[in-house]
Amino acid sequence: MMNDEHGCSTCKAPGTENYEKYTYGIGRRKKTAYQYDYRHTDGDLFSCCAPTLEECRRRRDEWISKKA
C-alpha cells in the first residue's frame, strides 16, 4: 500500500483500493492482518483492518450498501 510520510493513505482516485499486509504479536502468537483503504466514487474514504483481504472487501461492500 502506498502511504505518505505521515502514514496516511494515498488512496485518492475515486473507486480505488490500497492494502497492506502486516504481522503483529510476539513469538508464536504472531498474527497476520490487512490494513485496507477504499476511496468511494463519491470521495468518501473507507478504512479497516481485518485478518483477510476478503474480510476487508466484505466490510467495504457492506459499507457501500449502507450508503445507498
Protein backbone atom coordinates (compact mmCIF):
# COMPACT_ATOMS: atom_id res chain seq x y z
CA MET A 1 0.00 0.00 0.00
CA MET A 2 1.20 3.46 -0.73
CA ASN A 3 1.33 5.79 2.27
CA ASP A 4 2.71 9.28 2.57
CA GLU A 5 5.43 10.10 5.11
CA HIS A 6 2.80 10.51 7.86
CA GLY A 7 1.27 7.05 7.36
CA CYS A 8 -1.87 8.44 5.74
CA SER A 9 -3.49 6.65 2.82
CA THR A 10 -2.67 7.95 -0.63
CA CYS A 11 -5.79 6.28 -1.97
CA LYS A 12 -7.01 9.45 -3.69
CA ALA A 13 -8.52 8.36 -7.01
CA PRO A 14 -12.24 7.52 -6.76
CA GLY A 15 -13.03 3.82 -6.97
CA THR A 16 -9.53 2.65 -5.97
CA GLU A 17 -8.29 0.46 -3.15
CA ASN A 18 -4.98 0.06 -1.36
CA TYR A 19 -4.00 -2.55 1.20
CA GLU A 20 -1.00 -3.66 3.16
CA LYS A 21 -0.40 -6.99 4.88
CA TYR A 22 1.25 -6.79 8.29
CA THR A 23 2.18 -9.06 11.19
CA TYR A 24 1.65 -8.33 14.86
CA GLY A 25 2.17 -10.20 18.11
CA ILE A 26 5.09 -11.83 19.89
CA GLY A 27 6.74 -15.19 19.30
CA ARG A 28 4.35 -17.96 18.33
CA ARG A 29 1.40 -15.68 18.89
CA LYS A 30 2.10 -13.65 15.74
CA LYS A 31 -0.91 -12.99 13.56
CA THR A 32 -1.34 -11.56 10.10
CA ALA A 33 -3.83 -8.83 9.20
CA TYR A 34 -4.56 -6.34 6.43
CA GLN A 35 -4.87 -2.57 6.58
CA TYR A 36 -7.35 -1.70 3.83
CA ASP A 37 -8.40 1.63 2.30
CA TYR A 38 -11.02 2.25 -0.38
CA ARG A 39 -11.87 5.62 -1.91
CA HIS A 40 -15.53 5.59 -2.95
CA THR A 41 -16.60 7.22 -6.21
CA ASP A 42 -18.25 9.99 -4.14
CA GLY A 43 -14.88 10.76 -2.50
CA ASP A 44 -15.52 9.18 0.94
CA LEU A 45 -12.71 7.04 2.36
CA PHE A 46 -13.40 3.64 3.91
CA SER A 47 -10.64 2.13 6.05
CA CYS A 48 -10.44 -1.03 8.16
CA CYS A 49 -8.18 -3.79 9.47
CA ALA A 50 -9.13 -7.46 9.22
CA PRO A 51 -7.45 -10.89 9.24
CA THR A 52 -8.01 -11.42 5.49
CA LEU A 53 -8.30 -9.27 2.40
CA GLU A 54 -11.62 -10.97 1.63
CA GLU A 55 -12.98 -9.84 5.01
CA CYS A 56 -11.85 -6.26 4.31
CA ARG A 57 -13.65 -6.31 0.98
CA ARG A 58 -16.78 -7.80 2.57
CA ARG A 59 -16.81 -4.96 5.10
CA ARG A 60 -16.29 -2.46 2.27
CA ASP A 61 -19.22 -3.90 0.32
CA GLU A 62 -21.40 -3.73 3.43
CA TRP A 63 -20.38 -0.09 3.93
CA ILE A 64 -21.20 0.73 0.31
CA SER A 65 -24.62 -0.93 0.56
CA LYS A 66 -25.44 1.18 3.64
CA LYS A 67 -24.50 4.37 1.78
CA ALA A 68 -27.14 3.74 -0.90
